[in-house]
Protein backbone atom coordinates (compact mmCIF):
# COMPACT_ATOMS: atom_id res chain seq x y z
CA MET A 1 -61.38 -35.52 -49.82
CA ARG A 2 -57.54 -35.47 -49.55
CA HIS A 3 -55.34 -33.78 -52.10
CA VAL A 4 -52.28 -35.46 -53.63
CA GLY A 5 -49.92 -33.02 -51.91
CA ASP A 6 -51.25 -33.73 -48.42
CA PRO A 7 -48.63 -36.37 -47.43
CA TRP A 8 -45.87 -33.88 -48.21
CA ARG A 9 -47.61 -31.25 -46.18
CA TRP A 10 -47.90 -33.55 -43.18
CA ARG A 11 -44.27 -34.61 -43.55
CA VAL A 12 -43.13 -30.98 -43.50
CA LEU A 13 -45.30 -30.27 -40.47
CA SER A 14 -43.81 -33.30 -38.68
CA VAL A 15 -40.28 -32.09 -39.34
CA LEU A 16 -41.13 -28.61 -38.09
CA GLY A 17 -42.69 -30.08 -34.95
CA ALA A 18 -39.60 -32.14 -34.29
CA LEU A 19 -37.39 -29.08 -34.66
CA ALA A 20 -39.60 -27.16 -32.26
CA GLY A 21 -39.28 -30.00 -29.76
CA LEU A 22 -35.52 -29.95 -30.11
CA ALA A 23 -35.50 -26.20 -29.53
CA GLN A 24 -37.45 -26.68 -26.33
CA CYS A 25 -34.91 -29.28 -25.18
CA THR A 26 -31.92 -26.95 -25.75
CA ALA A 27 -29.83 -26.60 -22.60
CA PRO A 28 -30.26 -23.32 -20.67
CA PRO A 29 -27.44 -20.80 -20.92
CA SER A 30 -24.38 -21.58 -18.84
CA THR A 31 -23.46 -19.49 -15.80
CA LEU A 32 -20.78 -17.75 -17.84
CA GLU A 33 -23.30 -16.94 -20.59
CA GLN A 34 -25.73 -15.59 -17.98
CA ILE A 35 -22.99 -13.34 -16.54
CA ARG A 36 -22.16 -11.95 -19.97
CA GLY A 37 -25.83 -11.61 -20.83
CA ARG A 38 -26.64 -9.49 -17.78
CA GLY A 39 -23.29 -7.64 -17.99
CA GLU A 40 -22.60 -8.23 -14.30
CA LEU A 41 -20.40 -10.57 -12.26
CA ARG A 42 -21.78 -11.23 -8.77
CA VAL A 43 -19.21 -12.20 -6.16
CA ALA A 44 -19.88 -13.08 -2.52
CA THR A 45 -17.11 -12.26 -0.05
CA LEU A 46 -16.40 -11.38 3.57
CA ASN A 47 -15.46 -8.04 5.14
CA LEU A 48 -11.90 -8.98 6.08
CA PRO A 49 -8.55 -7.24 5.69
CA THR A 50 -7.36 -9.98 3.36
CA THR A 51 -10.43 -9.98 1.11
CA TRP A 52 -12.63 -6.83 0.87
CA TYR A 53 -12.80 -3.65 2.94
CA GLN A 54 -13.42 0.07 2.58
CA GLY A 55 -10.15 1.94 2.26
CA ALA A 56 -9.61 5.69 2.44
CA GLN A 57 -10.47 6.26 -1.22
CA GLY A 58 -12.46 3.17 -2.14
CA ILE A 59 -12.71 -0.59 -1.81
CA GLU A 60 -9.48 -2.52 -1.24
CA GLY A 61 -8.47 -6.12 -0.57
CA LEU A 62 -6.91 -9.04 -2.43
CA GLU A 63 -10.18 -10.68 -3.45
CA TYR A 64 -11.57 -7.35 -4.65
CA ASP A 65 -8.49 -6.77 -6.78
CA LEU A 66 -8.64 -10.28 -8.24
CA ALA A 67 -12.39 -10.11 -8.89
CA SER A 68 -12.06 -6.68 -10.52
CA GLY A 69 -9.42 -8.04 -12.86
CA PHE A 70 -11.54 -11.07 -13.71
CA ALA A 71 -14.61 -8.91 -14.43
CA ARG A 72 -12.51 -6.83 -16.80
CA THR A 73 -11.42 -9.95 -18.71
CA LEU A 74 -15.11 -10.84 -19.13
CA GLY A 75 -16.04 -7.32 -20.15
CA VAL A 76 -18.66 -6.97 -17.39
CA ARG A 77 -19.13 -4.85 -14.28
CA LEU A 78 -18.37 -6.26 -10.84
CA THR A 79 -20.87 -6.39 -7.98
CA MET A 80 -19.11 -7.67 -4.87
CA THR A 81 -21.24 -8.22 -1.78
CA PRO A 82 -19.73 -8.78 1.67
CA TYR A 83 -21.65 -11.25 3.85
CA GLU A 84 -21.48 -11.66 7.61
CA ASN A 85 -20.08 -15.18 7.60
CA GLU A 86 -19.18 -18.13 5.42
CA TRP A 87 -22.59 -19.74 5.84
CA GLN A 88 -24.33 -16.72 4.30
CA MET A 89 -21.85 -16.80 1.42
CA LEU A 90 -22.59 -20.47 0.89
CA GLU A 91 -26.32 -19.80 0.75
CA ALA A 92 -25.84 -16.91 -1.70
CA LEU A 93 -23.91 -19.18 -4.02
CA ARG A 94 -26.34 -22.07 -3.65
CA THR A 95 -29.39 -19.93 -4.47
CA GLY A 96 -27.75 -18.17 -7.39
CA ASP A 97 -27.53 -14.75 -5.73
CA ALA A 98 -23.79 -15.01 -6.33
CA ASP A 99 -21.82 -16.51 -9.21
CA ILE A 100 -18.60 -16.92 -7.22
CA ALA A 101 -17.62 -17.12 -3.56
CA ALA A 102 -14.22 -15.51 -2.96
CA ALA A 103 -12.82 -14.88 0.52
CA LEU A 104 -9.54 -16.81 0.79
CA LEU A 105 -11.71 -19.92 1.02
CA THR A 106 -10.56 -23.51 1.25
CA TYR A 107 -12.78 -26.04 -0.50
CA ARG A 108 -13.94 -28.13 2.42
CA GLY A 109 -16.93 -29.14 4.51
CA PRO A 110 -20.37 -28.01 3.30
CA TRP A 111 -19.02 -26.50 0.06
CA ARG A 112 -18.43 -30.01 -1.23
CA SER A 113 -22.14 -30.81 -1.27
CA PHE A 114 -23.04 -28.53 -4.20
CA ALA A 115 -20.00 -26.57 -5.36
CA LEU A 116 -16.63 -26.93 -7.05
CA PRO A 117 -13.31 -25.14 -6.46
CA SER A 118 -11.21 -23.21 -8.91
CA ARG A 119 -7.52 -23.87 -9.21
CA THR A 120 -5.51 -23.04 -6.08
CA TYR A 121 -4.08 -19.54 -6.37
CA ASP A 122 -2.27 -19.28 -3.03
CA GLN A 123 -1.16 -21.28 -0.01
CA VAL A 124 -1.84 -19.59 3.32
CA SER A 125 0.54 -20.27 6.17
CA GLN A 126 -0.79 -20.88 9.67
CA LEU A 127 0.67 -19.09 12.69
CA VAL A 128 0.58 -20.16 16.31
CA VAL A 129 -0.09 -17.00 18.33
CA TYR A 130 0.38 -16.58 22.06
CA THR A 131 0.09 -13.84 24.69
CA ARG A 132 3.04 -11.62 25.51
CA GLY A 133 4.40 -12.46 28.97
CA THR A 134 3.42 -16.14 28.84
CA VAL A 135 5.62 -19.11 27.92
CA ARG A 136 6.28 -19.15 24.20
CA PRO A 137 5.51 -22.53 22.61
CA LYS A 138 8.48 -23.50 20.44
CA ASN A 139 6.97 -26.44 18.58
CA VAL A 140 3.81 -28.46 18.09
CA ALA A 141 4.51 -30.69 21.09
CA ALA A 142 4.50 -27.60 23.35
CA LEU A 143 0.83 -26.99 22.50
CA ALA A 144 -0.22 -29.89 24.71
CA HIS A 145 -1.93 -28.87 27.96
CA ARG A 146 -2.27 -25.23 26.80
CA ARG A 147 -5.59 -23.39 26.58
CA ILE A 148 -6.24 -23.16 22.86
CA VAL A 149 -9.17 -21.42 21.18
CA VAL A 150 -10.28 -21.43 17.52
CA LYS A 151 -13.49 -20.85 15.61
CA ALA A 152 -15.77 -23.85 15.11
CA GLU A 153 -15.73 -25.54 11.69
CA SER A 154 -12.78 -23.42 10.59
CA PRO A 155 -9.61 -24.47 8.76
CA GLN A 156 -7.79 -23.88 12.04
CA ALA A 157 -10.03 -26.43 13.76
CA ASP A 158 -9.15 -28.86 10.97
CA VAL A 159 -5.46 -28.24 11.67
CA LEU A 160 -5.91 -29.04 15.35
CA HIS A 161 -7.72 -32.28 14.57
CA ALA A 162 -4.81 -33.30 12.35
CA LEU A 163 -2.27 -32.34 15.01
CA ARG A 164 -4.08 -34.38 17.66
CA ASP A 165 -3.50 -37.47 15.55
CA ARG A 166 0.21 -36.76 15.94
CA ILE A 167 0.61 -35.64 19.55
CA GLY A 168 -2.35 -37.31 21.21
CA HIS A 169 -5.28 -36.27 23.36
CA ALA A 170 -3.16 -33.98 25.53
CA LEU A 171 -3.95 -31.47 22.78
CA LYS A 172 -7.30 -29.91 23.63
CA TRP A 173 -9.05 -26.76 22.53
CA GLU A 174 -12.23 -24.74 22.73
CA GLU A 175 -14.23 -23.97 19.60
CA LEU A 176 -16.17 -20.70 19.50
CA PRO A 177 -19.43 -20.65 17.52
CA ALA A 178 -19.08 -19.09 14.09
CA ASP A 179 -21.44 -16.26 15.09
CA ALA A 180 -19.91 -15.62 18.52
CA VAL A 181 -19.38 -11.95 19.42
CA ASN A 182 -15.89 -12.67 20.72
CA ARG A 183 -13.34 -14.03 18.26
CA PRO A 184 -10.27 -16.17 18.99
CA LEU A 185 -7.81 -13.25 18.93
CA ASP A 186 -10.09 -11.23 21.21
CA VAL A 187 -10.40 -14.13 23.64
CA LEU A 188 -6.62 -14.52 23.64
CA ALA A 189 -6.03 -10.80 24.14
CA ALA A 190 -8.45 -10.83 27.10
CA GLY A 191 -6.35 -13.50 28.78
CA ASP A 192 -9.03 -16.20 28.55
CA ALA A 193 -6.86 -18.50 26.44
CA ASP A 194 -3.15 -19.13 25.88
CA ILE A 195 -2.94 -20.02 22.20
CA THR A 196 -4.79 -19.61 18.93
CA ILE A 197 -4.00 -20.38 15.30
CA VAL A 198 -4.54 -17.79 12.58
CA ASP A 199 -3.78 -17.25 8.93
CA ALA A 200 -0.39 -15.59 8.60
CA ALA A 201 -1.82 -13.23 5.98
CA SER A 202 -4.53 -12.02 8.37
CA PHE A 203 -2.13 -11.59 11.27
CA SER A 204 0.17 -9.44 9.14
CA PHE A 205 -2.75 -7.02 8.68
CA ILE A 206 -3.96 -6.88 12.25
CA HIS A 207 -1.09 -7.66 14.60
CA GLN A 208 -0.50 -3.99 15.40
CA ALA A 209 -4.04 -3.86 16.74
CA TYR A 210 -3.13 -6.59 19.23
CA PRO A 211 0.12 -5.44 20.86
CA GLU A 212 -0.30 -8.04 23.60
CA LEU A 213 -0.14 -10.92 21.09
CA LEU A 214 2.95 -12.41 19.47
CA SER A 215 3.67 -14.98 16.80
CA ALA A 216 5.26 -18.13 18.25
CA PHE A 217 6.02 -20.19 15.13
CA GLU A 218 4.65 -21.14 11.74
CA LEU A 219 3.08 -24.55 11.25
CA THR A 220 4.29 -26.76 8.43
CA GLN A 221 0.68 -27.14 7.27
CA THR A 222 -0.61 -24.53 4.85
CA ARG A 223 -4.10 -24.30 3.48
CA PRO A 224 -4.92 -23.91 -0.22
CA VAL A 225 -7.26 -21.09 -1.20
CA GLN A 226 -9.62 -21.11 -4.16
CA TRP A 227 -12.68 -19.44 -5.58
CA ILE A 228 -15.81 -21.58 -5.43
CA VAL A 229 -18.61 -21.93 -8.01
CA ARG A 230 -21.77 -24.02 -8.27
CA ARG A 231 -21.60 -27.46 -9.84
CA ARG A 232 -22.04 -27.55 -13.60
CA SER A 233 -20.53 -24.05 -13.93
CA ASN A 234 -17.82 -25.59 -16.06
CA ALA A 235 -17.30 -22.72 -18.51
CA LEU A 236 -17.11 -20.20 -15.66
CA ARG A 237 -14.71 -22.41 -13.76
CA ALA A 238 -12.46 -22.74 -16.80
CA ALA A 239 -12.44 -18.96 -17.29
CA ILE A 240 -11.58 -18.45 -13.62
CA ASP A 241 -8.73 -20.96 -13.83
CA THR A 242 -7.31 -19.15 -16.85
CA TRP A 243 -7.48 -15.81 -15.04
CA LEU A 244 -6.03 -17.05 -11.73
CA GLY A 245 -3.22 -18.74 -13.61
CA SER A 246 -2.28 -15.58 -15.49
CA GLU A 247 0.84 -13.57 -14.73
CA THR A 248 -1.34 -10.53 -13.92
CA ALA A 249 -3.28 -12.42 -11.24
CA ARG A 250 -0.08 -13.84 -9.78
CA GLN A 251 1.29 -10.32 -9.45
CA VAL A 252 -1.89 -9.22 -7.66
CA VAL A 253 -1.51 -12.08 -5.17
CA ALA A 254 2.19 -11.36 -4.67
CA ALA A 255 1.49 -7.68 -3.99
CA ALA A 256 -1.12 -8.42 -1.32
CA THR A 257 1.28 -8.28 1.61
CA VAL A 258 1.61 -5.88 4.49
CA THR A 259 5.04 -4.79 5.65
CA PRO A 260 5.03 -4.10 9.40
CA VAL A 261 5.82 -0.51 10.31
CA GLU A 262 9.19 -0.57 12.02
CA THR A 263 9.69 1.88 14.87
CA SER A 264 13.18 1.01 16.08
CA PRO A 265 15.45 3.94 16.97
CA ARG A 266 17.85 2.90 14.21
CA LEU A 267 15.13 3.11 11.56
CA GLN A 268 13.83 6.39 12.98
CA LEU A 269 17.30 7.83 12.59
CA ALA A 270 17.52 6.57 8.99
CA MET A 271 14.08 8.03 8.23
CA ALA A 272 15.15 11.36 9.70
CA ARG A 273 18.27 11.47 7.57
CA ASP A 274 16.27 10.60 4.44
CA PHE A 275 13.83 13.41 5.26
CA ARG A 276 16.64 15.91 5.66
CA GLY A 277 18.16 14.90 2.34
CA ARG A 278 14.85 15.17 0.52
CA ILE A 279 14.10 18.58 1.99
CA GLU A 280 17.19 19.72 0.14
CA SER A 281 16.86 17.64 -3.04
CA ARG A 282 13.15 17.12 -3.76
CA LEU A 283 11.18 19.76 -1.90
CA PRO A 284 12.51 22.82 -3.77
CA LEU A 285 11.14 21.40 -7.05
CA LEU A 286 7.68 20.79 -5.55
CA ARG A 287 7.38 23.75 -3.20
CA PRO A 288 5.86 26.15 -5.77
CA TRP A 289 2.97 23.74 -6.31
CA PHE A 290 2.46 23.19 -2.56
CA GLU A 291 2.32 26.98 -2.19
CA GLU A 292 -0.13 27.27 -5.09
CA ALA A 293 -2.34 24.62 -3.47
CA ALA A 294 -2.13 26.53 -0.18
CA LEU A 295 -3.41 29.69 -1.86
CA GLU A 296 -6.34 27.79 -3.35
CA THR A 297 -7.34 25.83 -0.22
CA LYS A 298 -6.13 28.11 2.61
CA VAL A 299 -4.15 25.19 4.08
CA ASP A 300 -0.58 25.84 5.22
CA TRP A 301 1.70 24.68 2.40
CA ARG A 302 3.98 23.00 4.92
CA LEU A 303 1.14 20.81 6.15
CA LEU A 304 0.36 19.81 2.56
CA ALA A 305 4.05 19.11 2.00
CA ALA A 306 4.15 16.99 5.15
CA ILE A 307 1.19 14.95 3.88
CA GLY A 308 2.92 14.50 0.54
CA TYR A 309 6.12 13.36 2.19
CA GLN A 310 4.36 10.83 4.39
CA GLU A 311 2.48 9.51 1.37
CA SER A 312 5.27 9.25 -1.20
CA GLN A 313 8.48 10.81 0.14
CA TRP A 314 7.77 13.48 -2.51
CA ASP A 315 8.15 10.97 -5.33
CA ARG A 316 6.16 12.24 -8.32
CA ASN A 317 6.20 8.74 -9.86
CA ALA A 318 5.10 6.86 -6.73
CA ARG A 319 2.71 3.97 -7.18
CA SER A 320 1.32 1.80 -4.37
CA PRO A 321 0.30 -1.86 -4.70
CA ASN A 322 -3.38 -0.88 -4.36
CA GLY A 323 -3.18 1.65 -7.21
CA ALA A 324 -2.61 4.98 -5.45
CA LEU A 325 -0.51 7.31 -7.57
CA GLY A 326 1.77 10.32 -7.41
CA VAL A 327 3.01 12.69 -4.73
CA MET A 328 -0.23 12.68 -2.71
CA MET A 329 -1.00 9.01 -3.53
CA LEU A 330 -4.44 9.49 -5.04
CA MET A 331 -6.54 6.57 -6.20
CA PRO A 332 -7.65 6.99 -9.84
CA GLU A 333 -11.30 7.56 -8.89
CA THR A 334 -10.36 10.16 -6.29
CA ALA A 335 -7.99 11.87 -8.71
CA THR A 336 -10.78 12.20 -11.24
CA SER A 337 -13.21 13.54 -8.65
CA VAL A 338 -10.83 16.37 -7.68
CA GLY A 339 -9.98 17.36 -11.24
CA VAL A 340 -6.71 15.50 -11.78
CA GLU A 341 -6.28 14.26 -15.36
CA ASP A 342 -2.67 13.10 -15.08
CA PRO A 343 -1.85 11.81 -11.56
CA PHE A 344 1.85 11.75 -12.41
CA ASP A 345 1.84 15.48 -13.11
CA PRO A 346 3.07 16.74 -9.72
CA ARG A 347 1.26 20.07 -9.93
CA GLU A 348 -2.09 18.41 -10.70
CA ASN A 349 -1.53 15.73 -8.08
CA ILE A 350 -0.62 18.17 -5.31
CA LEU A 351 -3.59 20.43 -6.10
CA GLY A 352 -5.84 17.38 -6.16
CA GLY A 353 -4.49 16.09 -2.85
CA ALA A 354 -5.08 19.49 -1.23
CA ARG A 355 -8.66 19.53 -2.53
CA TYR A 356 -9.25 16.03 -1.20
CA PHE A 357 -7.86 17.02 2.21
CA ILE A 358 -10.27 19.97 2.33
CA GLU A 359 -13.09 17.68 1.24
CA VAL A 360 -12.59 15.32 4.18
CA ARG A 361 -11.82 18.14 6.62
CA ASP A 362 -15.07 19.93 5.78
CA LYS A 363 -17.04 16.81 6.74
CA ILE A 364 -15.76 17.00 10.29
CA PRO A 365 -18.16 18.85 12.62
CA ALA A 366 -17.28 22.55 12.83
CA ARG A 367 -17.71 22.45 16.61
CA ILE A 368 -14.50 20.44 16.95
CA PRO A 369 -11.69 22.92 17.72
CA GLU A 370 -8.10 22.95 16.56
CA PRO A 371 -5.79 21.13 16.71
CA ASP A 372 -8.22 18.20 17.05
CA ARG A 373 -10.05 19.05 13.84
CA THR A 374 -6.90 18.97 11.72
CA SER A 375 -5.76 15.77 13.41
CA MET A 376 -9.05 14.11 12.58
CA ALA A 377 -8.86 15.42 9.03
CA LEU A 378 -5.41 13.84 8.66
CA ALA A 379 -6.76 10.55 9.98
CA ALA A 380 -9.69 10.71 7.56
CA TYR A 381 -7.34 11.47 4.65
CA ASN A 382 -5.51 8.24 5.49
CA VAL A 383 -8.30 5.85 6.47
CA GLY A 384 -11.45 7.45 5.07
CA TYR A 385 -14.03 9.67 6.72
CA GLY A 386 -16.45 6.78 7.27
CA HIS A 387 -13.95 4.85 9.37
CA LEU A 388 -13.15 7.99 11.37
CA GLU A 389 -16.86 8.29 12.14
CA ASP A 390 -16.95 4.63 13.20
CA ALA A 391 -14.07 5.35 15.59
CA ARG A 392 -15.86 8.39 17.00
CA VAL A 393 -19.02 6.33 17.59
CA LEU A 394 -16.90 3.65 19.24
CA THR A 395 -15.14 6.28 21.35
CA GLN A 396 -18.45 7.61 22.64
CA SER A 397 -19.78 4.12 23.37
CA ARG A 398 -16.69 3.42 25.47
CA GLY A 399 -17.07 6.59 27.52
CA GLY A 400 -14.65 8.82 25.63
CA ASN A 401 -15.09 12.18 23.97
CA PRO A 402 -15.69 11.72 20.21
CA ASP A 403 -14.68 15.35 19.58
CA ARG A 404 -11.27 14.91 21.19
CA TRP A 405 -8.49 13.46 19.05
CA ALA A 406 -6.62 11.98 22.03
CA ASP A 407 -9.69 9.84 22.80
CA VAL A 408 -10.45 8.92 19.19
CA ARG A 409 -6.90 7.82 18.44
CA GLU A 410 -7.09 5.39 21.36
CA ASN A 411 -10.07 3.69 19.71
CA LEU A 412 -9.10 3.78 16.03
CA PRO A 413 -6.87 0.67 16.30
CA LEU A 414 -9.86 -1.30 17.57
CA LEU A 415 -11.30 -1.16 14.04
CA ALA A 416 -8.74 -3.80 13.12
CA GLN A 417 -9.98 -6.16 15.84
CA GLU A 418 -12.66 -8.53 14.68
CA GLY A 419 -14.73 -8.23 17.82
CA TRP A 420 -15.07 -4.50 17.18
CA TYR A 421 -15.05 -4.01 13.43
CA LEU A 422 -17.89 -6.46 12.91
CA GLN A 423 -20.02 -4.02 14.91
CA ALA A 424 -18.83 -0.97 12.95
CA LYS A 425 -20.92 0.41 10.10
CA ARG A 426 -18.05 0.36 7.59
CA GLY A 427 -16.34 -2.75 8.91
CA TYR A 428 -12.62 -3.42 9.01
CA ALA A 429 -9.97 -0.70 8.83
CA ARG A 430 -6.24 -0.67 9.53
CA GLY A 431 -6.98 1.52 12.48
CA TRP A 432 -3.41 1.89 13.66
CA GLU A 433 -2.35 3.46 10.35
CA PRO A 434 -4.23 6.78 10.67
CA VAL A 435 -2.77 7.16 14.17
CA GLN A 436 0.74 6.67 12.80
CA PHE A 437 -0.07 8.85 9.77
CA GLU A 438 -1.28 11.77 11.89
CA ARG A 439 1.75 11.53 14.18
CA ARG A 440 4.25 11.44 11.33
CA VAL A 441 2.61 14.27 9.38
CA ARG A 442 2.62 16.42 12.51
CA GLN A 443 6.29 15.68 13.05
CA TYR A 444 7.24 16.45 9.45
CA PHE A 445 5.14 19.63 9.62
CA SER A 446 6.95 20.68 12.78
CA VAL A 447 10.32 20.33 11.09
CA LEU A 448 9.18 22.26 8.02
CA GLU A 449 7.66 24.95 10.22
CA TRP A 450 10.69 25.34 12.43
CA GLN A 451 13.11 25.17 9.48
CA THR A 452 15.85 23.99 11.84
CA LEU A 453 17.36 21.13 9.90
CA PRO A 454 19.85 19.99 12.58
CA SER A 455 16.85 19.22 14.82
CA ILE A 456 15.26 16.72 12.43
CA GLU A 457 16.64 13.63 14.17
CA THR A 458 15.32 14.90 17.49
CA ALA A 459 11.94 15.93 16.11
CA LEU A 460 11.27 12.52 14.60
CA GLN A 461 11.88 10.49 17.73
CA ALA A 462 8.72 8.73 18.91
CA GLU A 463 8.87 10.26 22.39
CA THR A 464 9.13 13.84 21.08
CA PRO A 465 5.92 15.91 21.45
CA LEU A 466 4.18 16.27 18.13
CA LEU A 467 3.85 20.03 18.21
CA PRO A 468 4.52 22.74 20.77
CA THR A 469 1.25 24.05 22.18
CA ALA A 470 1.89 27.49 20.77
CA THR A 471 2.06 26.24 17.18
CA ALA A 472 -0.55 23.51 17.32
CA THR A 473 -3.57 25.70 16.72
CA GLU A 474 -5.11 26.81 13.46
CA VAL A 475 -2.70 24.63 11.43
CA ALA A 476 -5.09 24.23 8.55
CA THR A 477 -6.13 27.86 8.28
CA GLN A 478 -2.81 29.71 8.38
């Protein structure tokens, strides 16, 4: 027997059922909501000098800097994973292992099948590169009948296809597989091709590792670069566009340039004169703290002062584009690890830099004698101990002595060559920089040790021996 109130009861139950059904049909959280929910932004990238690489005191690279800034705007931590190639990045994004792909990418080819680009945040120029000693191509027409090599399915291959429409089938080229051991610049350097095309940004980072290669001219075509997200990640894409369009992000992009190290005699003379002037004007104010650091670490104060000059020209307010600070140019994380609370306090910074130098020096095998051990410590201070170890492994594999600085410094620049750094444990490094750093620090140290100011111009000439044999030993333990 039914009660009078039964119809109302069934009506209420029907409404509740409908609401439950609607709840089940609610759309899943967006990609942006998932990122905020897990508190982590996952970014796929490549180990390249223009994107992500291990610097001396931490991760560096334009894409790392941009992604770090974006993660901060979202209030989440950043997990940035370097993949071996673009295809692996694509798969990581497609499967959801990554939220964003960021490696100076151009939205093209297979990305179009399932992904969408962010706004364009830079335009990358394309350089025609040739081998020193061969005929320099002066324009696009001069590329005809030359041996050209590029990577398959790359933006550079796209450029060549477009150029062939203009100058005809006399333009021919070889395309290397994406996973080939040899890369276009390596093939060119070996003399097996005449021409390649590279991103201008990349070449600015690595050209000193390829002294046999020169830039011929810049193409009128540039390629746009974007971040890439999965389809239907509309909220994430909108947040990315806001970030990449911000003044802060534009400043990050603008700062991501490399100024070639000039070694002309005229500049060497100017550098020598600047050094002499700063010995008289800046060093007296900092010397007590260099001497205090020497007492603590048992490192000659003049060597510490030479490091500080090479890093900042003894500028207590120095700040590099990648965030290094103060006289000894410490990254914030490194400064904290060596007890520096205020990196712009010169005493704290100098003491911290001395501690960091000892930290990297003590990692170097004790069997390595002076002056090689100090030279390797200087290189590690500049490029990071891990990259120094990669260079030592490479030195041994090429028949050199990994405990001898003269052999290691010959191989360090190879860490900037794609064919070599892809085989290294820590990947890309500006391998020529620690060689230059060690040489300059030694030269500055020599001047400070000799205390013969009129000889500065002579001591800083590239052909001058770094240190007399009699003073080259036990530098770090005086």
